[in-house]
N, C-alpha and C. Protein backbone atom coordinates (compact mmCIF):
# COMPACT_ATOMS: atom_id res chain seq x y z
N GLY A 1 125.12 183.37 256.83
CA GLY A 1 126.04 183.06 255.77
C GLY A 1 126.31 184.25 254.87
N GLU A 2 125.26 185.02 254.55
CA GLU A 2 125.46 186.14 253.64
C GLU A 2 126.31 187.24 254.26
N VAL A 3 126.18 187.45 255.56
CA VAL A 3 127.00 188.47 256.23
C VAL A 3 128.46 188.06 256.15
N GLN A 4 128.75 186.80 256.44
CA GLN A 4 130.13 186.33 256.38
C GLN A 4 130.68 186.43 254.95
N ARG A 5 129.83 186.14 253.99
CA ARG A 5 130.25 186.23 252.59
C ARG A 5 130.58 187.67 252.24
N GLU A 6 129.79 188.60 252.74
CA GLU A 6 130.02 190.01 252.45
C GLU A 6 131.33 190.52 253.05
N VAL A 7 131.70 190.01 254.21
CA VAL A 7 132.94 190.46 254.84
C VAL A 7 134.10 189.54 254.47
N ASP A 8 133.88 188.64 253.54
CA ASP A 8 134.91 187.78 252.98
C ASP A 8 135.47 186.78 253.99
N ASN A 9 134.62 186.26 254.85
CA ASN A 9 135.01 185.21 255.78
C ASN A 9 134.46 183.90 255.24
N THR A 10 135.16 183.34 254.28
CA THR A 10 134.67 182.18 253.54
C THR A 10 134.41 180.98 254.44
N ASP A 11 135.34 180.66 255.33
CA ASP A 11 135.15 179.49 256.19
C ASP A 11 133.91 179.63 257.06
N GLU A 12 133.71 180.82 257.61
CA GLU A 12 132.54 181.06 258.46
C GLU A 12 131.26 181.00 257.62
N ALA A 13 131.31 181.53 256.41
CA ALA A 13 130.14 181.48 255.52
C ALA A 13 129.80 180.03 255.20
N ILE A 14 130.80 179.24 254.90
CA ILE A 14 130.56 177.82 254.59
C ILE A 14 129.92 177.12 255.79
N ARG A 15 130.41 177.38 256.97
CA ARG A 15 129.81 176.77 258.18
C ARG A 15 128.36 177.23 258.35
N ALA A 16 128.11 178.51 258.13
CA ALA A 16 126.75 179.04 258.28
C ALA A 16 125.79 178.42 257.26
N TYR A 17 126.24 178.26 256.02
CA TYR A 17 125.37 177.64 255.01
C TYR A 17 125.10 176.18 255.34
N ARG A 18 126.12 175.47 255.80
CA ARG A 18 125.92 174.07 256.18
C ARG A 18 124.94 173.96 257.36
N LYS A 19 125.03 174.88 258.29
CA LYS A 19 124.11 174.90 259.43
C LYS A 19 122.68 175.18 258.95
N ALA A 20 122.53 176.11 258.02
CA ALA A 20 121.21 176.43 257.47
C ALA A 20 120.62 175.22 256.74
N ILE A 21 121.46 174.50 256.01
CA ILE A 21 121.00 173.30 255.30
C ILE A 21 120.55 172.24 256.30
N ALA A 22 121.32 172.06 257.37
CA ALA A 22 120.94 171.08 258.39
C ALA A 22 119.61 171.45 259.05
N ALA A 23 119.38 172.74 259.23
CA ALA A 23 118.15 173.20 259.86
C ALA A 23 116.94 173.02 258.95
N ASN A 24 117.14 173.20 257.64
CA ASN A 24 116.02 173.07 256.69
C ASN A 24 116.56 172.57 255.35
N PRO A 25 116.69 171.26 255.21
CA PRO A 25 117.27 170.69 253.98
C PRO A 25 116.45 170.92 252.72
N ARG A 26 115.23 171.40 252.85
CA ARG A 26 114.38 171.63 251.68
C ARG A 26 114.45 173.06 251.16
N TYR A 27 115.18 173.91 251.85
CA TYR A 27 115.32 175.31 251.43
C TYR A 27 116.58 175.41 250.57
N GLY A 28 116.42 175.82 249.32
CA GLY A 28 117.49 175.73 248.35
C GLY A 28 118.56 176.79 248.38
N LYS A 29 118.23 177.99 248.86
CA LYS A 29 119.22 179.08 248.77
C LYS A 29 120.54 178.80 249.49
N PRO A 30 120.53 178.20 250.69
CA PRO A 30 121.83 177.92 251.31
C PRO A 30 122.70 176.99 250.46
N TYR A 31 122.08 176.05 249.75
CA TYR A 31 122.83 175.17 248.85
C TYR A 31 123.49 176.00 247.75
N LYS A 32 122.71 176.90 247.18
CA LYS A 32 123.23 177.76 246.10
C LYS A 32 124.44 178.55 246.58
N TYR A 33 124.29 179.23 247.71
CA TYR A 33 125.37 180.08 248.20
C TYR A 33 126.57 179.26 248.68
N LEU A 34 126.30 178.08 249.24
CA LEU A 34 127.40 177.19 249.63
C LEU A 34 128.17 176.76 248.39
N GLY A 35 127.45 176.45 247.33
CA GLY A 35 128.11 176.08 246.07
C GLY A 35 129.01 177.18 245.55
N VAL A 36 128.56 178.41 245.63
CA VAL A 36 129.37 179.56 245.20
C VAL A 36 130.65 179.64 246.04
N GLN A 37 130.50 179.48 247.35
CA GLN A 37 131.67 179.55 248.23
C GLN A 37 132.64 178.40 247.96
N LEU A 38 132.12 177.21 247.73
CA LEU A 38 132.99 176.07 247.44
C LEU A 38 133.71 176.25 246.10
N LEU A 39 133.03 176.83 245.13
CA LEU A 39 133.70 177.15 243.86
C LEU A 39 134.82 178.14 244.10
N ALA A 40 134.56 179.16 244.89
CA ALA A 40 135.56 180.19 245.17
C ALA A 40 136.80 179.61 245.87
N THR A 41 136.59 178.55 246.65
CA THR A 41 137.71 177.93 247.36
C THR A 41 138.29 176.73 246.59
N LYS A 42 137.85 176.58 245.35
CA LYS A 42 138.35 175.56 244.42
C LYS A 42 138.06 174.13 244.88
N LYS A 43 136.98 173.98 245.62
CA LYS A 43 136.51 172.65 246.03
C LYS A 43 135.44 172.22 245.03
N TYR A 44 135.89 171.94 243.82
CA TYR A 44 135.00 171.77 242.68
C TYR A 44 134.05 170.58 242.82
N ASN A 45 134.53 169.43 243.29
CA ASN A 45 133.64 168.28 243.41
C ASN A 45 132.56 168.53 244.46
N ASP A 46 132.95 169.16 245.57
CA ASP A 46 131.96 169.50 246.60
C ASP A 46 130.96 170.52 246.06
N ALA A 47 131.46 171.51 245.33
CA ALA A 47 130.57 172.52 244.75
C ALA A 47 129.60 171.88 243.78
N LEU A 48 130.09 170.98 242.96
CA LEU A 48 129.24 170.31 241.98
C LEU A 48 128.12 169.55 242.67
N SER A 49 128.45 168.79 243.68
CA SER A 49 127.45 168.01 244.40
C SER A 49 126.38 168.91 245.03
N ILE A 50 126.82 169.95 245.69
CA ILE A 50 125.90 170.88 246.36
C ILE A 50 125.02 171.60 245.34
N LEU A 51 125.60 172.04 244.24
CA LEU A 51 124.82 172.77 243.24
C LEU A 51 123.83 171.87 242.52
N LEU A 52 124.18 170.62 242.32
CA LEU A 52 123.22 169.68 241.73
C LEU A 52 122.04 169.47 242.68
N THR A 53 122.33 169.41 243.96
CA THR A 53 121.25 169.31 244.95
C THR A 53 120.38 170.57 244.89
N ALA A 54 121.03 171.73 244.84
CA ALA A 54 120.29 172.99 244.76
C ALA A 54 119.39 173.03 243.54
N SER A 55 119.90 172.55 242.40
CA SER A 55 119.11 172.58 241.17
C SER A 55 117.88 171.68 241.26
N GLY A 56 117.96 170.65 242.09
CA GLY A 56 116.79 169.79 242.30
C GLY A 56 115.75 170.42 243.20
N ILE A 57 116.18 171.35 244.04
CA ILE A 57 115.26 172.00 244.98
C ILE A 57 114.64 173.26 244.36
N ILE A 58 115.48 174.09 243.73
CA ILE A 58 114.98 175.31 243.09
C ILE A 58 115.46 175.33 241.63
N SER A 59 114.79 174.52 240.83
CA SER A 59 115.21 174.29 239.45
C SER A 59 114.99 175.50 238.53
N ASN A 60 114.33 176.53 239.01
CA ASN A 60 114.05 177.70 238.17
C ASN A 60 115.00 178.87 238.44
N ASP A 61 116.08 178.63 239.16
CA ASP A 61 117.03 179.69 239.49
C ASP A 61 118.19 179.68 238.50
N PRO A 62 118.25 180.65 237.60
CA PRO A 62 119.32 180.64 236.59
C PRO A 62 120.71 180.78 237.19
N GLY A 63 120.81 181.42 238.35
CA GLY A 63 122.12 181.58 238.98
C GLY A 63 122.77 180.27 239.36
N ILE A 64 121.96 179.29 239.73
CA ILE A 64 122.49 177.97 240.05
C ILE A 64 123.16 177.37 238.82
N TYR A 65 122.50 177.47 237.68
CA TYR A 65 123.04 176.88 236.46
C TYR A 65 124.26 177.64 235.95
N LEU A 66 124.28 178.93 236.17
CA LEU A 66 125.45 179.73 235.80
C LEU A 66 126.65 179.27 236.62
N THR A 67 126.44 179.08 237.91
CA THR A 67 127.53 178.61 238.78
C THR A 67 127.92 177.17 238.45
N LEU A 68 126.94 176.33 238.16
CA LEU A 68 127.24 174.96 237.74
C LEU A 68 128.12 174.96 236.49
N GLY A 69 127.80 175.83 235.55
CA GLY A 69 128.60 175.93 234.34
C GLY A 69 130.05 176.28 234.64
N ARG A 70 130.23 177.18 235.58
CA ARG A 70 131.59 177.58 235.96
C ARG A 70 132.35 176.40 236.59
N VAL A 71 131.65 175.64 237.42
CA VAL A 71 132.28 174.46 238.02
C VAL A 71 132.67 173.47 236.92
N TYR A 72 131.74 173.20 236.01
CA TYR A 72 132.04 172.26 234.93
C TYR A 72 133.23 172.73 234.10
N GLU A 73 133.33 174.03 233.86
CA GLU A 73 134.49 174.52 233.13
C GLU A 73 135.78 174.27 233.90
N GLU A 74 135.75 174.51 235.20
CA GLU A 74 136.95 174.30 236.02
C GLU A 74 137.43 172.86 236.00
N ILE A 75 136.47 171.92 235.92
CA ILE A 75 136.85 170.50 235.88
C ILE A 75 136.91 169.98 234.44
N LYS A 76 136.88 170.91 233.50
CA LYS A 76 137.07 170.63 232.08
C LYS A 76 136.00 169.70 231.48
N LYS A 77 134.79 169.84 231.97
CA LYS A 77 133.64 169.12 231.40
C LYS A 77 132.84 170.16 230.61
N TYR A 78 133.38 170.48 229.44
CA TYR A 78 132.85 171.60 228.67
C TYR A 78 131.45 171.34 228.11
N LYS A 79 131.16 170.11 227.73
CA LYS A 79 129.80 169.83 227.24
C LYS A 79 128.76 170.06 228.34
N MET A 80 129.11 169.66 229.54
CA MET A 80 128.20 169.90 230.67
C MET A 80 128.10 171.38 230.97
N ALA A 81 129.21 172.10 230.83
CA ALA A 81 129.18 173.55 231.03
C ALA A 81 128.24 174.20 230.04
N VAL A 82 128.32 173.78 228.79
CA VAL A 82 127.44 174.34 227.75
C VAL A 82 125.98 174.08 228.11
N ARG A 83 125.67 172.88 228.58
CA ARG A 83 124.29 172.56 228.97
C ARG A 83 123.83 173.45 230.12
N ALA A 84 124.69 173.60 231.13
CA ALA A 84 124.33 174.40 232.30
C ALA A 84 124.13 175.86 231.91
N TYR A 85 125.04 176.40 231.11
CA TYR A 85 124.89 177.80 230.68
C TYR A 85 123.65 177.98 229.81
N GLY A 86 123.35 176.99 228.99
CA GLY A 86 122.14 177.06 228.18
C GLY A 86 120.89 177.10 229.04
N GLN A 87 120.89 176.30 230.10
CA GLN A 87 119.75 176.30 231.02
C GLN A 87 119.65 177.65 231.74
N ALA A 88 120.78 178.21 232.14
CA ALA A 88 120.77 179.54 232.79
C ALA A 88 120.19 180.57 231.84
N ARG A 89 120.59 180.51 230.59
CA ARG A 89 120.10 181.46 229.59
C ARG A 89 118.59 181.29 229.40
N ARG A 90 118.11 180.06 229.34
CA ARG A 90 116.68 179.82 229.16
C ARG A 90 115.86 180.35 230.33
N LEU A 91 116.40 180.23 231.53
CA LEU A 91 115.65 180.63 232.73
C LEU A 91 115.73 182.12 233.02
N ALA A 92 116.80 182.76 232.61
CA ALA A 92 117.01 184.17 232.95
C ALA A 92 116.14 185.07 232.07
N ALA A 93 115.68 186.16 232.65
CA ALA A 93 114.91 187.14 231.89
C ALA A 93 115.84 187.81 230.87
N ARG A 94 115.35 187.96 229.67
CA ARG A 94 116.16 188.63 228.65
C ARG A 94 116.60 190.00 229.15
N ASN A 95 117.80 190.35 228.79
CA ASN A 95 118.42 191.63 229.16
C ASN A 95 118.78 191.74 230.63
N SER A 96 118.59 190.67 231.40
CA SER A 96 119.06 190.70 232.79
C SER A 96 120.56 190.45 232.80
N ARG A 97 121.18 190.78 233.87
CA ARG A 97 122.63 190.55 233.98
C ARG A 97 122.94 189.05 233.89
N THR A 98 122.11 188.23 234.54
CA THR A 98 122.33 186.78 234.51
C THR A 98 122.23 186.26 233.08
N TYR A 99 121.26 186.76 232.32
CA TYR A 99 121.11 186.34 230.93
C TYR A 99 122.37 186.69 230.14
N LYS A 100 122.83 187.91 230.30
CA LYS A 100 124.03 188.36 229.57
C LYS A 100 125.25 187.54 229.99
N ASP A 101 125.38 187.28 231.29
CA ASP A 101 126.50 186.46 231.77
C ASP A 101 126.42 185.05 231.19
N ALA A 102 125.21 184.50 231.13
CA ALA A 102 125.03 183.14 230.59
C ALA A 102 125.39 183.09 229.12
N VAL A 103 124.97 184.08 228.34
CA VAL A 103 125.28 184.11 226.91
C VAL A 103 126.79 184.18 226.70
N LYS A 104 127.45 185.03 227.46
CA LYS A 104 128.90 185.18 227.36
C LYS A 104 129.62 183.88 227.75
N ALA A 105 129.20 183.29 228.87
CA ALA A 105 129.82 182.06 229.35
C ALA A 105 129.56 180.91 228.38
N LEU A 106 128.37 180.85 227.82
CA LEU A 106 128.02 179.80 226.87
C LEU A 106 128.92 179.89 225.65
N SER A 107 129.13 181.07 225.15
CA SER A 107 130.01 181.28 224.00
C SER A 107 131.43 180.81 224.33
N HIS A 108 131.92 181.17 225.49
CA HIS A 108 133.27 180.78 225.91
C HIS A 108 133.39 179.25 226.03
N ALA A 109 132.41 178.63 226.67
CA ALA A 109 132.46 177.18 226.88
C ALA A 109 132.40 176.42 225.55
N LYS A 110 131.62 176.93 224.61
CA LYS A 110 131.52 176.27 223.30
C LYS A 110 132.87 176.29 222.58
N ARG A 111 133.64 177.35 222.78
CA ARG A 111 134.97 177.42 222.15
C ARG A 111 135.95 176.45 222.79
N GLN A 112 135.70 176.08 224.04
CA GLN A 112 136.61 175.19 224.76
C GLN A 112 136.42 173.72 224.38
N ARG A 113 135.26 173.38 223.85
CA ARG A 113 134.97 171.95 223.57
C ARG A 113 135.87 171.38 222.53
C-alpha cells in the first residue's frame, strides 16, 4: 500500500490496504493509511468509519486523530473536529510536526464552529 501511495496510485493503494486489513484485522496501520487515502478521494463517510476503527486499535497514534479531524471538518462536524484535533495534540510530542499541525488545525476548527 505504501509503495502505491508513494507513486500516487490511489486505487491500487486502497486495494492493498483493504487486503492487508483482511489478512490481519487487528493491525491498525493499514486502517490509518486507508483512511488517509479515502479522505484524499473525498470518500468522507468511508474514511470516518475506517479511522474510527483505527483509533480503537491504535488509540495512541496522534496521526489518526489529526486525519479524523480533517474528515470531521470536511463533513462540517466542527465540534467533533475540535475533539479529534485536541486528542491529536494531547498524544503528539511537543514540538513535533504532528503537534504543530494539531494546534494549527484545532485553532482553525474552533473558528468554524
